[in-house]
Amino acid sequence: QQQLTKYNLKAARIDYIFISHLHGDHYFGLIGLLSSLHLNGRVKPMQIFGPKPLLEILEIQFKYSDTVLRYPIEFFPTEADESRQIFENQDLTVKTIILNHRIPTTGFIFEQKQRQRKLIKEKTDEIPMAYYTALKKGLDVELPDGEVLKSEDYTSPADLPRSYAYCSDTMYDERYFPIINGCNTLYHEATFMHELVDRANETHHTTALQAGEVAKINAVEKLLIGHFSSRYKTLQMLLEETQSVFENTELAVEGRTFQL
């Protein structure tokens, strides 16, 4: 909540929450956020996707604080056994990524759907708006006089759909490679420098070098690294280690924004 306020992000605009696993640094702030939304008068539903025990945790916290939310929570349990599609609307789909951590953990990949073609304004100004929808869908339109309006003459191709994969806590594991292969932007944890690879394996985390290898092998466009160990007072060496393998890497530090 404090970070939302710090960066001038409106909590009321949040309608979907995705929780990867039940280590405290990934969900302890959730109950406070939900409670604040309640106190601020929220009435629209909140959809939460996360491990099944998370619902029990929330229910216990609300029970013993004698809190009855003004808005409904729609909870969708995730399973860390195989990748599944867990969400879909008119714009995108969300699938789980099965990660390798000390407790069941899922990442998430957000994939845009193919958008409709774009109208060419100089040409479509000459025809009735009633035909716009069909033309944007790529359909040709036959007019009452027999003239045919070809979609390709009045529209241009839509931008290619984008994808964003979020791999939170995990050790290097090729089993999750297929689902992230070719994604536009990959967030991947990079907890340690590679000199501590044994420690990374013990704790089921990834090194900065390994994160770069994941991005390179899977031909992603951009890599964001995060979840850095507090032992590192500067992050530049982690960035440089990753960039030695995959150049188009940036640090995912709080307050930064990235174009997907």
Protein backbone atom coordinates (compact mmCIF):
# COMPACT_ATOMS: atom_id res chain seq x y z
CA GLN A 1 0.00 0.00 0.00
CA GLN A 2 2.77 2.41 0.89
CA GLN A 3 4.45 1.79 -2.44
CA LEU A 4 1.19 2.33 -4.33
CA THR A 5 0.86 5.69 -2.62
CA LYS A 6 4.53 6.53 -3.16
CA TYR A 7 4.27 6.02 -6.90
CA ASN A 8 0.81 7.59 -7.20
CA LEU A 9 -0.92 4.37 -8.27
CA LYS A 10 -4.61 4.11 -7.44
CA ALA A 11 -5.44 0.90 -5.55
CA ALA A 12 -9.10 1.26 -6.52
CA ARG A 13 -8.17 0.48 -10.13
CA ILE A 14 -6.90 -2.99 -9.19
CA ASP A 15 -9.41 -5.68 -10.17
CA TYR A 16 -7.14 -8.73 -10.48
CA ILE A 17 -4.42 -9.98 -8.13
CA PHE A 18 -2.04 -12.85 -8.96
CA ILE A 19 -0.07 -14.49 -6.13
CA SER A 20 2.75 -16.86 -7.10
CA HIS A 21 3.32 -18.66 -3.79
CA LEU A 22 2.97 -18.40 -0.05
CA HIS A 23 6.30 -17.06 1.11
CA GLY A 24 5.59 -13.93 3.08
CA ASP A 25 7.34 -11.42 0.85
CA HIS A 26 4.84 -12.29 -1.87
CA TYR A 27 1.54 -11.96 -0.01
CA PHE A 28 1.81 -10.48 3.51
CA GLY A 29 0.66 -7.08 2.22
CA LEU A 30 -2.50 -8.50 0.67
CA ILE A 31 -4.73 -8.44 3.76
CA GLY A 32 -3.88 -4.79 4.39
CA LEU A 33 -4.67 -3.85 0.80
CA LEU A 34 -8.00 -5.67 0.84
CA SER A 35 -8.93 -4.10 4.18
CA SER A 36 -8.08 -0.59 2.98
CA LEU A 37 -10.19 -1.05 -0.13
CA HIS A 38 -13.06 -2.07 2.15
CA LEU A 39 -12.62 1.02 4.33
CA ASN A 40 -12.49 3.22 1.23
CA GLY A 41 -15.90 1.98 0.09
CA ARG A 42 -15.06 -0.47 -2.67
CA VAL A 43 -18.10 -2.43 -3.88
CA LYS A 44 -16.93 -4.04 -7.15
CA PRO A 45 -15.58 -7.61 -6.94
CA MET A 46 -11.89 -8.40 -6.58
CA GLN A 47 -10.57 -11.45 -8.42
CA ILE A 48 -7.64 -13.19 -6.74
CA PHE A 49 -5.60 -16.01 -8.30
CA GLY A 50 -3.25 -17.92 -6.03
CA PRO A 51 -2.48 -21.13 -4.13
CA LYS A 52 -5.55 -22.76 -2.58
CA PRO A 53 -4.42 -22.25 1.07
CA LEU A 54 -4.38 -18.49 0.49
CA LEU A 55 -8.16 -18.38 0.68
CA GLU A 56 -8.09 -20.05 4.10
CA ILE A 57 -5.46 -17.57 5.29
CA LEU A 58 -7.62 -14.63 4.21
CA GLU A 59 -10.75 -16.10 5.77
CA ILE A 60 -8.98 -16.62 9.10
CA GLN A 61 -7.64 -13.08 9.13
CA PHE A 62 -11.04 -11.59 8.36
CA LYS A 63 -12.75 -13.88 10.86
CA TYR A 64 -10.57 -12.96 13.81
CA SER A 65 -10.58 -9.27 12.95
CA ASP A 66 -14.39 -9.42 12.71
CA THR A 67 -14.26 -7.97 9.21
CA VAL A 68 -16.99 -8.41 6.62
CA LEU A 69 -15.90 -6.85 3.36
CA ARG A 70 -18.27 -4.55 1.50
CA TYR A 71 -17.21 -6.15 -1.76
CA PRO A 72 -16.99 -9.80 -2.88
CA ILE A 73 -13.73 -11.67 -3.36
CA GLU A 74 -13.78 -14.11 -6.25
CA PHE A 75 -11.00 -16.60 -5.55
CA PHE A 76 -9.49 -18.86 -8.20
CA PRO A 77 -7.06 -21.48 -6.83
CA THR A 78 -3.91 -22.21 -8.83
CA GLU A 79 -2.21 -25.60 -8.99
CA ALA A 80 1.54 -26.04 -9.32
CA ASP A 81 1.41 -29.38 -11.13
CA GLU A 82 0.89 -28.37 -14.76
CA SER A 83 0.40 -25.17 -16.72
CA ARG A 84 -3.21 -24.07 -17.13
CA GLN A 85 -5.10 -21.13 -18.54
CA ILE A 86 -6.64 -19.41 -15.54
CA PHE A 87 -8.08 -16.23 -17.02
CA GLU A 88 -9.44 -14.89 -20.29
CA ASN A 89 -11.22 -11.74 -21.39
CA GLN A 90 -11.62 -9.96 -24.71
CA ASP A 91 -8.08 -8.61 -24.57
CA LEU A 92 -5.81 -11.30 -23.13
CA THR A 93 -5.29 -14.70 -21.57
CA VAL A 94 -3.30 -15.65 -18.48
CA LYS A 95 -1.63 -19.04 -18.00
CA THR A 96 0.35 -20.42 -15.09
CA ILE A 97 4.04 -21.26 -15.36
CA ILE A 98 5.17 -24.16 -13.18
CA LEU A 99 8.31 -23.07 -11.34
CA ASN A 100 10.81 -24.98 -9.20
CA HIS A 101 10.94 -23.50 -5.70
CA ARG A 102 10.93 -24.86 -2.15
CA ILE A 103 7.13 -24.71 -1.98
CA PRO A 104 4.53 -24.93 -4.79
CA THR A 105 5.03 -21.87 -6.97
CA THR A 106 3.58 -20.64 -10.23
CA GLY A 107 4.63 -17.83 -12.48
CA PHE A 108 2.21 -16.26 -14.93
CA ILE A 109 2.30 -15.44 -18.63
CA PHE A 110 0.03 -12.69 -19.90
CA GLU A 111 -0.68 -12.90 -23.63
CA GLN A 112 -2.57 -10.34 -25.67
CA LYS A 113 -5.10 -11.60 -28.16
CA GLN A 114 -4.84 -10.63 -31.80
CA ARG A 115 -6.37 -7.19 -32.18
CA GLN A 116 -8.70 -6.09 -34.95
CA ARG A 117 -7.32 -4.40 -38.03
CA LYS A 118 -7.00 -0.60 -37.93
CA LEU A 119 -9.16 1.65 -40.08
CA ILE A 120 -7.41 3.93 -42.57
CA LYS A 121 -9.10 7.22 -41.74
CA GLU A 122 -8.55 8.92 -45.09
CA LYS A 123 -10.44 6.11 -46.82
CA THR A 124 -13.11 5.21 -44.28
CA ASP A 125 -14.37 8.79 -44.07
CA GLU A 126 -16.01 8.10 -47.43
CA ILE A 127 -18.11 5.11 -46.32
CA PRO A 128 -20.90 4.61 -43.72
CA MET A 129 -19.79 3.78 -40.18
CA ALA A 130 -22.09 0.75 -40.23
CA TYR A 131 -19.44 -1.11 -42.24
CA TYR A 132 -16.52 -0.36 -39.93
CA THR A 133 -16.95 -3.37 -37.64
CA ALA A 134 -16.89 -5.92 -40.45
CA LEU A 135 -13.93 -4.28 -42.15
CA LYS A 136 -11.91 -4.25 -38.91
CA LYS A 137 -12.60 -7.98 -38.56
CA GLY A 138 -11.01 -8.53 -41.95
CA LEU A 139 -14.33 -9.11 -43.72
CA ASP A 140 -15.18 -7.71 -47.13
CA VAL A 141 -18.50 -5.84 -47.36
CA GLU A 142 -20.90 -5.95 -50.31
CA LEU A 143 -22.92 -2.76 -50.80
CA PRO A 144 -26.55 -2.75 -52.04
CA ASP A 145 -25.39 -1.72 -55.53
CA GLY A 146 -23.07 -4.74 -55.71
CA GLU A 147 -19.85 -2.86 -55.04
CA VAL A 148 -17.48 -4.74 -52.71
CA LEU A 149 -15.43 -2.95 -50.08
CA LYS A 150 -12.33 -5.01 -49.47
CA SER A 151 -11.07 -4.98 -45.91
CA GLU A 152 -7.45 -4.77 -47.02
CA ASP A 153 -8.22 -1.55 -48.92
CA TYR A 154 -9.72 0.23 -45.93
CA THR A 155 -7.72 -1.17 -43.04
CA SER A 156 -4.12 -1.84 -42.04
CA PRO A 157 -2.83 -4.80 -40.02
CA ALA A 158 -3.14 -4.57 -36.26
CA ASP A 159 -0.07 -4.44 -34.07
CA LEU A 160 1.25 -7.88 -33.21
CA PRO A 161 0.02 -9.14 -29.82
CA ARG A 162 2.48 -8.80 -26.95
CA SER A 163 3.31 -11.23 -24.15
CA TYR A 164 4.80 -10.84 -20.67
CA ALA A 165 6.08 -13.76 -18.59
CA TYR A 166 6.60 -13.42 -14.84
CA CYS A 167 8.91 -16.00 -13.28
CA SER A 168 9.18 -15.23 -9.58
CA ASP A 169 11.06 -17.50 -7.17
CA THR A 170 12.55 -20.47 -8.99
CA MET A 171 15.76 -22.31 -9.66
CA TYR A 172 16.99 -22.83 -13.22
CA ASP A 173 14.75 -25.54 -14.67
CA GLU A 174 14.27 -26.25 -18.37
CA ARG A 175 10.78 -27.65 -17.77
CA TYR A 176 9.24 -24.16 -17.80
CA PHE A 177 11.07 -23.10 -20.97
CA PRO A 178 8.40 -24.09 -23.53
CA ILE A 179 5.70 -21.78 -22.16
CA ILE A 180 7.96 -18.70 -22.02
CA ASN A 181 9.72 -19.32 -25.32
CA GLY A 182 9.61 -16.32 -27.61
CA CYS A 183 7.79 -14.00 -25.21
CA ASN A 184 8.30 -10.28 -25.66
CA THR A 185 9.23 -9.42 -22.09
CA LEU A 186 10.42 -11.84 -19.40
CA TYR A 187 10.73 -11.01 -15.73
CA HIS A 188 13.02 -13.55 -14.07
CA GLU A 189 14.43 -13.66 -10.59
CA ALA A 190 18.22 -13.29 -10.24
CA THR A 191 18.85 -13.66 -6.53
CA PHE A 192 22.60 -14.38 -6.53
CA MET A 193 25.76 -13.83 -8.52
CA HIS A 194 26.84 -17.04 -10.23
CA GLU A 195 29.74 -17.52 -7.82
CA LEU A 196 27.01 -18.54 -5.34
CA VAL A 197 25.34 -21.03 -7.68
CA ASP A 198 25.53 -23.76 -5.00
CA ARG A 199 23.66 -21.49 -2.60
CA ALA A 200 21.14 -20.74 -5.34
CA ASN A 201 20.51 -24.44 -5.84
CA GLU A 202 20.14 -25.04 -2.10
CA THR A 203 17.52 -22.32 -1.77
CA HIS A 204 15.84 -22.98 -5.13
CA HIS A 205 16.77 -19.64 -6.61
CA THR A 206 18.51 -18.49 -9.80
CA THR A 207 21.77 -16.66 -10.43
CA ALA A 208 22.06 -13.57 -12.61
CA LEU A 209 24.03 -15.56 -15.18
CA GLN A 210 21.37 -18.26 -15.29
CA ALA A 211 18.62 -15.68 -15.78
CA GLY A 212 20.47 -14.44 -18.83
CA GLU A 213 20.79 -17.98 -20.14
CA VAL A 214 17.04 -18.51 -19.73
CA ALA A 215 16.36 -15.39 -21.80
CA LYS A 216 18.91 -16.29 -24.48
CA ILE A 217 17.82 -19.91 -24.88
CA ASN A 218 14.17 -18.90 -25.13
CA ALA A 219 14.76 -16.04 -27.57
CA VAL A 220 12.86 -13.43 -25.59
CA GLU A 221 13.05 -9.78 -26.63
CA LYS A 222 13.68 -8.12 -23.28
CA LEU A 223 14.70 -9.45 -19.86
CA LEU A 224 13.92 -7.81 -16.53
CA ILE A 225 15.73 -9.21 -13.49
CA GLY A 226 14.76 -8.81 -9.85
CA HIS A 227 14.44 -10.48 -6.42
CA PHE A 228 18.02 -9.62 -5.52
CA SER A 229 19.63 -10.86 -2.30
CA SER A 230 20.04 -8.11 0.30
CA ARG A 231 23.74 -8.99 0.51
CA TYR A 232 24.31 -6.91 -2.62
CA LYS A 233 24.61 -3.21 -1.84
CA THR A 234 24.87 -2.35 -5.52
CA LEU A 235 23.00 -4.11 -8.31
CA GLN A 236 25.29 -3.14 -11.17
CA MET A 237 27.38 -6.32 -10.95
CA LEU A 238 24.23 -8.46 -11.14
CA LEU A 239 23.12 -6.55 -14.21
CA GLU A 240 26.52 -6.87 -15.86
CA GLU A 241 26.67 -10.60 -15.18
CA THR A 242 23.29 -11.10 -16.85
CA GLN A 243 24.19 -8.83 -19.77
CA SER A 244 27.31 -10.91 -20.40
CA VAL A 245 24.89 -13.55 -21.66
CA PHE A 246 21.84 -11.51 -22.70
CA GLU A 247 22.49 -7.87 -23.50
CA ASN A 248 18.91 -6.54 -23.55
CA THR A 249 18.50 -6.80 -19.77
CA GLU A 250 17.30 -4.19 -17.31
CA LEU A 251 16.96 -4.06 -13.54
CA ALA A 252 13.37 -4.39 -12.30
CA VAL A 253 13.65 -2.01 -9.38
CA GLU A 254 10.71 -0.36 -7.65
CA GLY A 255 9.49 2.80 -9.30
CA ARG A 256 10.66 1.98 -12.82
CA THR A 257 8.24 1.47 -15.68
CA PHE A 258 8.82 -0.54 -18.84
CA GLN A 259 7.16 -0.59 -22.24
CA LEU A 260 6.04 -4.11 -23.09
